[in-house]
Amino acid sequence: MVRAFADSVANPWIGRTSRAPLLDNGFQDVVVELHPLVFTAYSKVVEQCAKAAMSTGVATQEQTDAWVAEQRCRADQDRFFASIPLFIVSARRQ
């Protein structure tokens, strides 16, 4: 489910792969920061993951319904956890 969601994002690897091309093209002071987004309460990101999995054929409606129900159950028991890495890249060019 999560992989399907990542694959639905335009260029999901850009934060991980942008440093070298920036340096190769004359940028200086290239900085890559990682800011993890952490969710410990049920979030709409669960439904977005499920929707992406269904739209790409990774999972059926029944499988996504079961997965979403499991995540809601985890949230009801205060056991929900999700994390999304957010990369922020900055550089300077003279």
N, C-alpha and C. Protein backbone atom coordinates (compact mmCIF):
# COMPACT_ATOMS: atom_id res chain seq x y z
N MET A 1 0.82 -1.19 0.00
CA MET A 1 0.00 0.00 0.00
C MET A 1 0.87 1.26 0.00
N VAL A 2 1.84 1.27 0.88
CA VAL A 2 2.69 2.45 1.01
C VAL A 2 3.53 2.67 -0.24
N ARG A 3 4.05 1.59 -0.80
CA ARG A 3 4.85 1.69 -2.02
C ARG A 3 3.99 2.23 -3.17
N ALA A 4 2.75 1.77 -3.26
CA ALA A 4 1.85 2.27 -4.30
C ALA A 4 1.63 3.76 -4.13
N PHE A 5 1.51 4.22 -2.90
CA PHE A 5 1.33 5.65 -2.65
C PHE A 5 2.58 6.42 -3.09
N ALA A 6 3.76 5.92 -2.71
CA ALA A 6 5.01 6.59 -3.10
C ALA A 6 5.12 6.65 -4.62
N ASP A 7 4.75 5.57 -5.28
CA ASP A 7 4.83 5.54 -6.74
C ASP A 7 3.83 6.48 -7.40
N SER A 8 2.80 6.90 -6.67
CA SER A 8 1.79 7.80 -7.24
C SER A 8 2.23 9.26 -7.19
N VAL A 9 3.31 9.53 -6.46
CA VAL A 9 3.83 10.89 -6.34
C VAL A 9 4.75 11.16 -7.53
N ALA A 10 4.61 12.34 -8.12
CA ALA A 10 5.49 12.71 -9.24
C ALA A 10 6.93 12.77 -8.74
N ASN A 11 7.79 11.96 -9.34
CA ASN A 11 9.21 11.90 -9.01
C ASN A 11 9.46 11.75 -7.50
N PRO A 12 9.02 10.63 -6.91
CA PRO A 12 9.13 10.45 -5.47
C PRO A 12 10.57 10.35 -4.94
N TRP A 13 11.53 10.15 -5.82
CA TRP A 13 12.92 9.99 -5.38
C TRP A 13 13.75 11.26 -5.53
N ILE A 14 13.14 12.36 -5.92
CA ILE A 14 13.89 13.58 -6.22
C ILE A 14 14.70 14.08 -5.02
N GLY A 15 14.15 13.98 -3.83
CA GLY A 15 14.88 14.45 -2.65
C GLY A 15 16.12 13.63 -2.37
N ARG A 16 16.05 12.34 -2.69
CA ARG A 16 17.17 11.45 -2.43
C ARG A 16 18.24 11.52 -3.52
N THR A 17 17.87 11.98 -4.69
CA THR A 17 18.79 11.92 -5.83
C THR A 17 19.20 13.29 -6.38
N SER A 18 18.78 14.35 -5.75
CA SER A 18 19.02 15.68 -6.33
C SER A 18 20.38 16.28 -5.99
N ARG A 19 21.04 15.82 -4.95
CA ARG A 19 22.30 16.45 -4.54
C ARG A 19 23.37 16.40 -5.62
N ALA A 20 23.65 15.20 -6.14
CA ALA A 20 24.72 15.06 -7.14
C ALA A 20 24.45 15.88 -8.40
N PRO A 21 23.26 15.83 -8.99
CA PRO A 21 23.03 16.65 -10.19
C PRO A 21 23.18 18.15 -9.93
N LEU A 22 22.79 18.60 -8.75
CA LEU A 22 22.98 20.02 -8.44
C LEU A 22 24.46 20.36 -8.39
N LEU A 23 25.23 19.53 -7.71
CA LEU A 23 26.68 19.76 -7.66
C LEU A 23 27.31 19.66 -9.05
N ASP A 24 26.87 18.70 -9.84
CA ASP A 24 27.41 18.52 -11.19
C ASP A 24 27.10 19.70 -12.11
N ASN A 25 26.08 20.47 -11.77
CA ASN A 25 25.67 21.60 -12.62
C ASN A 25 26.03 22.96 -12.01
N GLY A 26 27.04 22.96 -11.15
CA GLY A 26 27.59 24.23 -10.68
C GLY A 26 26.96 24.81 -9.44
N PHE A 27 26.04 24.14 -8.81
CA PHE A 27 25.45 24.68 -7.58
C PHE A 27 26.40 24.46 -6.42
N GLN A 28 26.34 25.37 -5.46
CA GLN A 28 27.19 25.30 -4.28
C GLN A 28 26.32 25.25 -3.03
N ASP A 29 26.94 24.92 -1.94
CA ASP A 29 26.24 24.88 -0.65
C ASP A 29 24.96 24.06 -0.73
N VAL A 30 25.07 22.91 -1.37
CA VAL A 30 23.90 22.03 -1.51
C VAL A 30 23.64 21.38 -0.15
N VAL A 31 22.43 21.54 0.31
CA VAL A 31 22.03 20.98 1.60
C VAL A 31 20.77 20.16 1.40
N VAL A 32 20.79 18.94 1.93
CA VAL A 32 19.61 18.08 1.90
C VAL A 32 19.22 17.82 3.35
N GLU A 33 18.01 18.21 3.70
CA GLU A 33 17.51 18.00 5.06
C GLU A 33 16.38 16.99 5.03
N LEU A 34 16.35 16.13 6.02
CA LEU A 34 15.28 15.16 6.17
C LEU A 34 14.39 15.59 7.32
N HIS A 35 13.12 15.72 7.03
CA HIS A 35 12.12 16.06 8.04
C HIS A 35 11.06 14.97 8.01
N PRO A 36 11.13 14.03 8.95
CA PRO A 36 10.13 12.96 8.94
C PRO A 36 8.78 13.48 9.44
N LEU A 37 7.75 13.18 8.69
CA LEU A 37 6.39 13.47 9.13
C LEU A 37 5.91 12.22 9.85
N VAL A 38 5.51 12.35 11.09
CA VAL A 38 5.09 11.21 11.90
C VAL A 38 3.63 11.39 12.27
N PHE A 39 2.86 10.34 12.03
CA PHE A 39 1.45 10.32 12.36
C PHE A 39 1.20 9.23 13.39
N THR A 40 0.64 9.59 14.54
CA THR A 40 0.28 8.59 15.55
C THR A 40 -1.23 8.53 15.75
N ALA A 41 -1.94 9.27 14.96
CA ALA A 41 -3.40 9.21 14.92
C ALA A 41 -3.81 8.92 13.48
N TYR A 42 -4.95 8.32 13.32
CA TYR A 42 -5.42 7.98 11.98
C TYR A 42 -5.39 9.22 11.11
N SER A 43 -4.93 9.05 9.89
CA SER A 43 -4.76 10.17 8.97
C SER A 43 -5.33 9.82 7.61
N LYS A 44 -5.69 10.81 6.87
CA LYS A 44 -6.18 10.62 5.50
C LYS A 44 -5.13 9.96 4.61
N VAL A 45 -3.87 9.99 5.04
CA VAL A 45 -2.81 9.36 4.25
C VAL A 45 -3.09 7.86 4.09
N VAL A 46 -3.76 7.26 5.05
CA VAL A 46 -4.13 5.85 4.95
C VAL A 46 -5.04 5.64 3.74
N GLU A 47 -6.05 6.48 3.61
CA GLU A 47 -6.97 6.36 2.50
C GLU A 47 -6.30 6.68 1.16
N GLN A 48 -5.34 7.60 1.17
CA GLN A 48 -4.61 7.92 -0.04
C GLN A 48 -3.74 6.74 -0.48
N CYS A 49 -3.13 6.06 0.49
CA CYS A 49 -2.35 4.85 0.18
C CYS A 49 -3.25 3.78 -0.42
N ALA A 50 -4.40 3.56 0.20
CA ALA A 50 -5.33 2.54 -0.28
C ALA A 50 -5.83 2.88 -1.69
N LYS A 51 -6.15 4.12 -1.92
CA LYS A 51 -6.63 4.55 -3.24
C LYS A 51 -5.56 4.33 -4.30
N ALA A 52 -4.32 4.67 -3.97
CA ALA A 52 -3.21 4.47 -4.92
C ALA A 52 -3.01 2.99 -5.21
N ALA A 53 -3.11 2.16 -4.19
CA ALA A 53 -2.93 0.72 -4.38
C ALA A 53 -4.02 0.14 -5.28
N MET A 54 -5.23 0.61 -5.11
CA MET A 54 -6.32 0.12 -5.96
C MET A 54 -6.17 0.62 -7.39
N SER A 55 -5.82 1.87 -7.55
CA SER A 55 -5.75 2.45 -8.90
C SER A 55 -4.62 1.84 -9.74
N THR A 56 -3.60 1.33 -9.07
CA THR A 56 -2.49 0.72 -9.80
C THR A 56 -2.60 -0.80 -9.88
N GLY A 57 -3.65 -1.34 -9.28
CA GLY A 57 -3.86 -2.78 -9.33
C GLY A 57 -3.03 -3.57 -8.34
N VAL A 58 -2.39 -2.88 -7.40
CA VAL A 58 -1.59 -3.56 -6.38
C VAL A 58 -2.48 -4.33 -5.40
N ALA A 59 -3.68 -3.81 -5.17
CA ALA A 59 -4.59 -4.44 -4.22
C ALA A 59 -6.02 -4.32 -4.73
N THR A 60 -6.85 -5.24 -4.29
CA THR A 60 -8.27 -5.23 -4.64
C THR A 60 -9.04 -4.34 -3.67
N GLN A 61 -10.28 -4.08 -3.98
CA GLN A 61 -11.14 -3.31 -3.08
C GLN A 61 -11.23 -3.99 -1.72
N GLU A 62 -11.39 -5.30 -1.73
CA GLU A 62 -11.50 -6.04 -0.47
C GLU A 62 -10.22 -5.94 0.35
N GLN A 63 -9.07 -6.04 -0.31
CA GLN A 63 -7.79 -5.94 0.39
C GLN A 63 -7.58 -4.54 0.97
N THR A 64 -7.92 -3.53 0.20
CA THR A 64 -7.74 -2.16 0.72
C THR A 64 -8.73 -1.87 1.84
N ASP A 65 -9.95 -2.36 1.72
CA ASP A 65 -10.92 -2.18 2.80
C ASP A 65 -10.42 -2.82 4.09
N ALA A 66 -9.87 -4.02 3.98
CA ALA A 66 -9.36 -4.73 5.16
C ALA A 66 -8.17 -3.97 5.76
N TRP A 67 -7.29 -3.47 4.90
CA TRP A 67 -6.12 -2.75 5.38
C TRP A 67 -6.52 -1.45 6.08
N VAL A 68 -7.45 -0.71 5.47
CA VAL A 68 -7.93 0.53 6.08
C VAL A 68 -8.60 0.23 7.43
N ALA A 69 -9.40 -0.81 7.49
CA ALA A 69 -10.06 -1.20 8.74
C ALA A 69 -9.02 -1.54 9.81
N GLU A 70 -7.96 -2.24 9.40
CA GLU A 70 -6.90 -2.57 10.35
C GLU A 70 -6.23 -1.32 10.88
N GLN A 71 -5.98 -0.34 10.01
CA GLN A 71 -5.34 0.90 10.45
C GLN A 71 -6.26 1.69 11.39
N ARG A 72 -7.56 1.67 11.11
CA ARG A 72 -8.50 2.36 12.02
C ARG A 72 -8.54 1.67 13.37
N CYS A 73 -8.48 0.34 13.36
CA CYS A 73 -8.45 -0.43 14.60
C CYS A 73 -7.20 -0.08 15.40
N ARG A 74 -6.08 0.02 14.72
CA ARG A 74 -4.84 0.42 15.39
C ARG A 74 -4.99 1.80 16.01
N ALA A 75 -5.61 2.69 15.28
CA ALA A 75 -5.81 4.06 15.79
C ALA A 75 -6.72 4.04 17.02
N ASP A 76 -7.78 3.24 16.97
CA ASP A 76 -8.70 3.15 18.10
C ASP A 76 -8.01 2.61 19.35
N GLN A 77 -6.97 1.81 19.15
CA GLN A 77 -6.22 1.22 20.27
C GLN A 77 -4.96 2.02 20.59
N ASP A 78 -4.84 3.20 20.01
CA ASP A 78 -3.67 4.06 20.18
C ASP A 78 -2.39 3.35 19.77
N ARG A 79 -2.47 2.58 18.68
CA ARG A 79 -1.32 1.84 18.17
C ARG A 79 -0.98 2.21 16.73
N PHE A 80 -1.56 3.26 16.23
CA PHE A 80 -1.33 3.67 14.85
C PHE A 80 0.01 4.39 14.75
N PHE A 81 0.75 4.08 13.69
CA PHE A 81 2.00 4.79 13.41
C PHE A 81 2.22 4.81 11.91
N ALA A 82 2.53 5.98 11.39
CA ALA A 82 2.92 6.12 9.99
C ALA A 82 3.96 7.24 9.92
N SER A 83 4.86 7.11 8.98
CA SER A 83 5.90 8.12 8.81
C SER A 83 6.17 8.32 7.33
N ILE A 84 6.35 9.56 6.95
CA ILE A 84 6.66 9.91 5.57
C ILE A 84 7.92 10.79 5.60
N PRO A 85 8.97 10.37 4.89
CA PRO A 85 10.17 11.21 4.86
C PRO A 85 9.95 12.40 3.91
N LEU A 86 10.22 13.58 4.41
CA LEU A 86 10.11 14.80 3.60
C LEU A 86 11.52 15.36 3.46
N PHE A 87 11.99 15.43 2.23
CA PHE A 87 13.33 15.97 1.96
C PHE A 87 13.19 17.41 1.48
N ILE A 88 13.99 18.26 2.08
CA ILE A 88 14.06 19.65 1.65
C ILE A 88 15.48 19.89 1.15
N VAL A 89 15.58 20.33 -0.10
CA VAL A 89 16.89 20.52 -0.74
C VAL A 89 17.05 22.00 -1.06
N SER A 90 18.20 22.53 -0.70
CA SER A 90 18.50 23.92 -1.05
C SER A 90 19.92 23.99 -1.62
N ALA A 91 20.12 24.98 -2.47
CA ALA A 91 21.44 25.16 -3.10
C ALA A 91 21.58 26.61 -3.54
N ARG A 92 22.80 26.95 -3.82
CA ARG A 92 23.11 28.33 -4.24
C ARG A 92 23.91 28.24 -5.53
N ARG A 93 23.61 29.16 -6.42
CA ARG A 93 24.37 29.21 -7.68
C ARG A 93 24.80 30.65 -7.90
N GLN A 94 26.11 30.82 -8.19
CA GLN A 94 26.61 32.18 -8.41
C GLN A 94 26.57 32.55 -9.85
